[in-house]
Amino acid sequence: MLGAKSIFGLLKANLYTIIVPILLAAFVWMAVGVLDNECRRSSESDSVKIVKRVHIAIGIIATVIAGFNIIALHPVGGAMIRNFRNN
């Protein structure tokens, strides 16, 4: 069940490159939703706008990193990434 070729084996082997960025992205996107729903009165506040924009930026970066690492696990995706890095 936890063989090197199974999905669970791959997730266990790549815990810090896949799971952590996905959890970080989920937390950051959830925080953006909380800011949207809970801070209506202070939505004109510059500090809330800045925090919201930073959360969105970090969410995008974490999502891209997680997606890039998931694509790298597939043989075709790994070959595409190696070709991209060599060019």
N, C-alpha and C. Protein backbone atom coordinates (compact mmCIF):
# COMPACT_ATOMS: atom_id res chain seq x y z
N MET A 1 0.82 -1.20 0.00
CA MET A 1 0.00 0.00 0.00
C MET A 1 0.86 1.26 0.00
N LEU A 2 1.95 1.26 0.75
CA LEU A 2 2.83 2.42 0.78
C LEU A 2 4.09 2.18 -0.03
N GLY A 3 3.95 1.49 -1.16
CA GLY A 3 5.09 1.27 -2.02
C GLY A 3 5.56 2.57 -2.65
N ALA A 4 6.78 2.52 -3.17
CA ALA A 4 7.36 3.74 -3.75
C ALA A 4 6.59 4.23 -4.97
N LYS A 5 5.89 3.32 -5.66
CA LYS A 5 5.16 3.72 -6.87
C LYS A 5 3.70 4.08 -6.60
N SER A 6 3.20 3.82 -5.40
CA SER A 6 1.80 4.14 -5.10
C SER A 6 1.66 5.64 -4.81
N ILE A 7 0.45 6.13 -4.89
CA ILE A 7 0.20 7.55 -4.66
C ILE A 7 0.53 7.93 -3.22
N PHE A 8 0.23 7.02 -2.28
CA PHE A 8 0.52 7.33 -0.88
C PHE A 8 2.03 7.30 -0.61
N GLY A 9 2.73 6.40 -1.29
CA GLY A 9 4.18 6.37 -1.16
C GLY A 9 4.83 7.63 -1.72
N LEU A 10 4.29 8.11 -2.84
CA LEU A 10 4.82 9.34 -3.43
C LEU A 10 4.53 10.54 -2.53
N LEU A 11 3.32 10.58 -1.95
CA LEU A 11 2.99 11.69 -1.05
C LEU A 11 3.85 11.65 0.20
N LYS A 12 4.10 10.45 0.73
CA LYS A 12 4.95 10.33 1.93
C LYS A 12 6.38 10.76 1.61
N ALA A 13 6.88 10.37 0.45
CA ALA A 13 8.25 10.71 0.07
C ALA A 13 8.39 12.21 -0.23
N ASN A 14 7.31 12.84 -0.67
CA ASN A 14 7.35 14.25 -1.06
C ASN A 14 6.52 15.11 -0.13
N LEU A 15 6.54 14.81 1.14
CA LEU A 15 5.71 15.51 2.12
C LEU A 15 5.96 17.01 2.11
N TYR A 16 7.22 17.41 2.11
CA TYR A 16 7.53 18.84 2.22
C TYR A 16 7.46 19.57 0.88
N THR A 17 7.47 18.85 -0.22
CA THR A 17 7.39 19.52 -1.52
C THR A 17 5.98 19.59 -2.07
N ILE A 18 5.07 18.75 -1.55
CA ILE A 18 3.69 18.76 -2.06
C ILE A 18 2.69 19.12 -0.97
N ILE A 19 2.70 18.38 0.12
CA ILE A 19 1.68 18.54 1.15
C ILE A 19 1.77 19.91 1.82
N VAL A 20 2.96 20.32 2.21
CA VAL A 20 3.12 21.61 2.91
C VAL A 20 2.69 22.79 2.04
N PRO A 21 3.11 22.87 0.75
CA PRO A 21 2.61 23.99 -0.07
C PRO A 21 1.10 23.96 -0.27
N ILE A 22 0.50 22.78 -0.39
CA ILE A 22 -0.95 22.70 -0.56
C ILE A 22 -1.65 23.18 0.71
N LEU A 23 -1.16 22.75 1.88
CA LEU A 23 -1.76 23.21 3.13
C LEU A 23 -1.57 24.71 3.33
N LEU A 24 -0.40 25.23 2.97
CA LEU A 24 -0.16 26.67 3.07
C LEU A 24 -1.09 27.44 2.15
N ALA A 25 -1.25 26.97 0.93
CA ALA A 25 -2.15 27.64 -0.01
C ALA A 25 -3.59 27.60 0.48
N ALA A 26 -4.02 26.45 1.00
CA ALA A 26 -5.39 26.34 1.51
C ALA A 26 -5.61 27.29 2.69
N PHE A 27 -4.65 27.37 3.58
CA PHE A 27 -4.78 28.27 4.72
C PHE A 27 -4.84 29.73 4.29
N VAL A 28 -3.97 30.09 3.35
CA VAL A 28 -3.94 31.49 2.89
C VAL A 28 -5.22 31.85 2.16
N TRP A 29 -5.72 30.96 1.28
CA TRP A 29 -6.97 31.24 0.57
C TRP A 29 -8.14 31.31 1.54
N MET A 30 -8.12 30.47 2.60
CA MET A 30 -9.17 30.55 3.61
C MET A 30 -9.10 31.89 4.34
N ALA A 31 -7.89 32.36 4.62
CA ALA A 31 -7.75 33.65 5.30
C ALA A 31 -8.28 34.79 4.43
N VAL A 32 -8.12 34.71 3.13
CA VAL A 32 -8.67 35.73 2.23
C VAL A 32 -10.19 35.72 2.32
N GLY A 33 -10.78 34.53 2.36
CA GLY A 33 -12.23 34.43 2.50
C GLY A 33 -12.72 35.00 3.81
N VAL A 34 -11.97 34.77 4.88
CA VAL A 34 -12.35 35.33 6.17
C VAL A 34 -12.26 36.85 6.14
N LEU A 35 -11.22 37.38 5.52
CA LEU A 35 -11.10 38.83 5.40
C LEU A 35 -12.26 39.42 4.61
N ASP A 36 -12.69 38.71 3.57
CA ASP A 36 -13.82 39.20 2.77
C ASP A 36 -15.11 39.21 3.57
N ASN A 37 -15.33 38.16 4.35
CA ASN A 37 -16.62 38.02 5.03
C ASN A 37 -16.69 38.72 6.39
N GLU A 38 -15.59 38.81 7.08
CA GLU A 38 -15.64 39.29 8.46
C GLU A 38 -15.25 40.76 8.60
N CYS A 39 -14.58 41.32 7.63
CA CYS A 39 -14.07 42.68 7.78
C CYS A 39 -14.81 43.65 6.88
N ARG A 40 -16.13 43.56 6.85
CA ARG A 40 -16.90 44.44 5.97
C ARG A 40 -16.81 45.90 6.39
N ARG A 41 -16.87 46.15 7.68
CA ARG A 41 -16.81 47.54 8.14
C ARG A 41 -15.44 48.15 7.89
N SER A 42 -14.44 47.33 8.01
CA SER A 42 -13.08 47.86 7.83
C SER A 42 -12.54 47.56 6.44
N SER A 43 -13.42 47.26 5.49
CA SER A 43 -12.95 46.94 4.14
C SER A 43 -12.32 48.14 3.45
N GLU A 44 -12.63 49.34 3.91
CA GLU A 44 -11.97 50.53 3.36
C GLU A 44 -10.62 50.78 4.02
N SER A 45 -10.30 50.02 5.04
CA SER A 45 -9.04 50.20 5.76
C SER A 45 -7.88 49.77 4.87
N ASP A 46 -6.85 50.60 4.84
CA ASP A 46 -5.67 50.28 4.01
C ASP A 46 -4.95 49.04 4.52
N SER A 47 -4.89 48.85 5.82
CA SER A 47 -4.18 47.69 6.35
C SER A 47 -4.87 46.39 5.97
N VAL A 48 -6.21 46.38 5.97
CA VAL A 48 -6.94 45.17 5.56
C VAL A 48 -6.72 44.91 4.08
N LYS A 49 -6.71 45.95 3.27
CA LYS A 49 -6.46 45.77 1.84
C LYS A 49 -5.06 45.23 1.58
N ILE A 50 -4.08 45.72 2.30
CA ILE A 50 -2.70 45.26 2.12
C ILE A 50 -2.57 43.79 2.54
N VAL A 51 -3.14 43.46 3.69
CA VAL A 51 -3.08 42.08 4.18
C VAL A 51 -3.77 41.14 3.20
N LYS A 52 -4.91 41.57 2.66
CA LYS A 52 -5.64 40.74 1.71
C LYS A 52 -4.83 40.53 0.43
N ARG A 53 -4.19 41.57 -0.07
CA ARG A 53 -3.37 41.44 -1.28
C ARG A 53 -2.16 40.55 -1.05
N VAL A 54 -1.55 40.66 0.13
CA VAL A 54 -0.40 39.80 0.45
C VAL A 54 -0.85 38.35 0.56
N HIS A 55 -2.00 38.11 1.18
CA HIS A 55 -2.51 36.74 1.27
C HIS A 55 -2.80 36.18 -0.12
N ILE A 56 -3.34 36.98 -1.00
CA ILE A 56 -3.62 36.52 -2.35
C ILE A 56 -2.32 36.20 -3.08
N ALA A 57 -1.32 37.04 -2.95
CA ALA A 57 -0.03 36.80 -3.61
C ALA A 57 0.63 35.52 -3.08
N ILE A 58 0.65 35.35 -1.77
CA ILE A 58 1.25 34.15 -1.19
C ILE A 58 0.45 32.91 -1.59
N GLY A 59 -0.87 33.02 -1.64
CA GLY A 59 -1.71 31.90 -2.08
C GLY A 59 -1.41 31.49 -3.51
N ILE A 60 -1.23 32.46 -4.38
CA ILE A 60 -0.90 32.15 -5.78
C ILE A 60 0.46 31.47 -5.86
N ILE A 61 1.45 32.00 -5.15
CA ILE A 61 2.79 31.41 -5.18
C ILE A 61 2.78 29.99 -4.63
N ALA A 62 2.11 29.77 -3.50
CA ALA A 62 2.07 28.42 -2.91
C ALA A 62 1.32 27.45 -3.82
N THR A 63 0.27 27.90 -4.48
CA THR A 63 -0.48 27.04 -5.39
C THR A 63 0.37 26.66 -6.60
N VAL A 64 1.10 27.61 -7.15
CA VAL A 64 1.97 27.34 -8.30
C VAL A 64 3.09 26.37 -7.91
N ILE A 65 3.69 26.57 -6.75
CA ILE A 65 4.76 25.68 -6.31
C ILE A 65 4.23 24.26 -6.12
N ALA A 66 3.08 24.12 -5.48
CA ALA A 66 2.49 22.79 -5.28
C ALA A 66 2.15 22.14 -6.62
N GLY A 67 1.56 22.89 -7.52
CA GLY A 67 1.24 22.35 -8.84
C GLY A 67 2.47 21.94 -9.62
N PHE A 68 3.51 22.75 -9.55
CA PHE A 68 4.78 22.44 -10.22
C PHE A 68 5.36 21.15 -9.67
N ASN A 69 5.33 20.96 -8.35
CA ASN A 69 5.87 19.75 -7.75
C ASN A 69 5.02 18.52 -8.06
N ILE A 70 3.71 18.68 -8.17
CA ILE A 70 2.86 17.56 -8.54
C ILE A 70 3.11 17.16 -9.99
N ILE A 71 3.25 18.13 -10.88
CA ILE A 71 3.55 17.83 -12.28
C ILE A 71 4.90 17.14 -12.41
N ALA A 72 5.86 17.51 -11.59
CA ALA A 72 7.19 16.92 -11.66
C ALA A 72 7.19 15.44 -11.26
N LEU A 73 6.18 14.98 -10.54
CA LEU A 73 6.11 13.56 -10.16
C LEU A 73 5.78 12.66 -11.34
N HIS A 74 5.05 13.15 -12.31
CA HIS A 74 4.67 12.35 -13.46
C HIS A 74 5.86 12.25 -14.41
N PRO A 75 6.09 11.10 -15.03
CA PRO A 75 7.26 10.97 -15.93
C PRO A 75 7.27 12.00 -17.06
N VAL A 76 6.13 12.26 -17.68
CA VAL A 76 6.07 13.24 -18.76
C VAL A 76 6.30 14.65 -18.21
N GLY A 77 5.68 14.95 -17.07
CA GLY A 77 5.88 16.26 -16.46
C GLY A 77 7.32 16.47 -16.03
N GLY A 78 7.95 15.42 -15.48
CA GLY A 78 9.35 15.52 -15.09
C GLY A 78 10.25 15.78 -16.28
N ALA A 79 9.94 15.13 -17.41
CA ALA A 79 10.73 15.36 -18.63
C ALA A 79 10.54 16.78 -19.14
N MET A 80 9.30 17.28 -19.08
CA MET A 80 9.06 18.66 -19.52
C MET A 80 9.83 19.65 -18.65
N ILE A 81 9.84 19.42 -17.35
CA ILE A 81 10.52 20.32 -16.44
C ILE A 81 12.03 20.27 -16.65
N ARG A 82 12.57 19.06 -16.87
CA ARG A 82 14.02 18.96 -17.13
C ARG A 82 14.38 19.68 -18.42
N ASN A 83 13.54 19.53 -19.47
CA ASN A 83 13.80 20.23 -20.74
C ASN A 83 13.69 21.73 -20.56
N PHE A 84 12.74 22.18 -19.75
CA PHE A 84 12.58 23.60 -19.50
C PHE A 84 13.79 24.18 -18.76
N ARG A 85 14.31 23.42 -17.80
CA ARG A 85 15.46 23.89 -17.02
C ARG A 85 16.72 23.90 -17.85
N ASN A 86 16.85 22.98 -18.81
CA ASN A 86 18.06 22.91 -19.64
C ASN A 86 18.10 24.00 -20.70
N ASN A 87 16.96 24.54 -21.06
CA ASN A 87 16.93 25.58 -22.11
C ASN A 87 17.15 26.91 -21.55
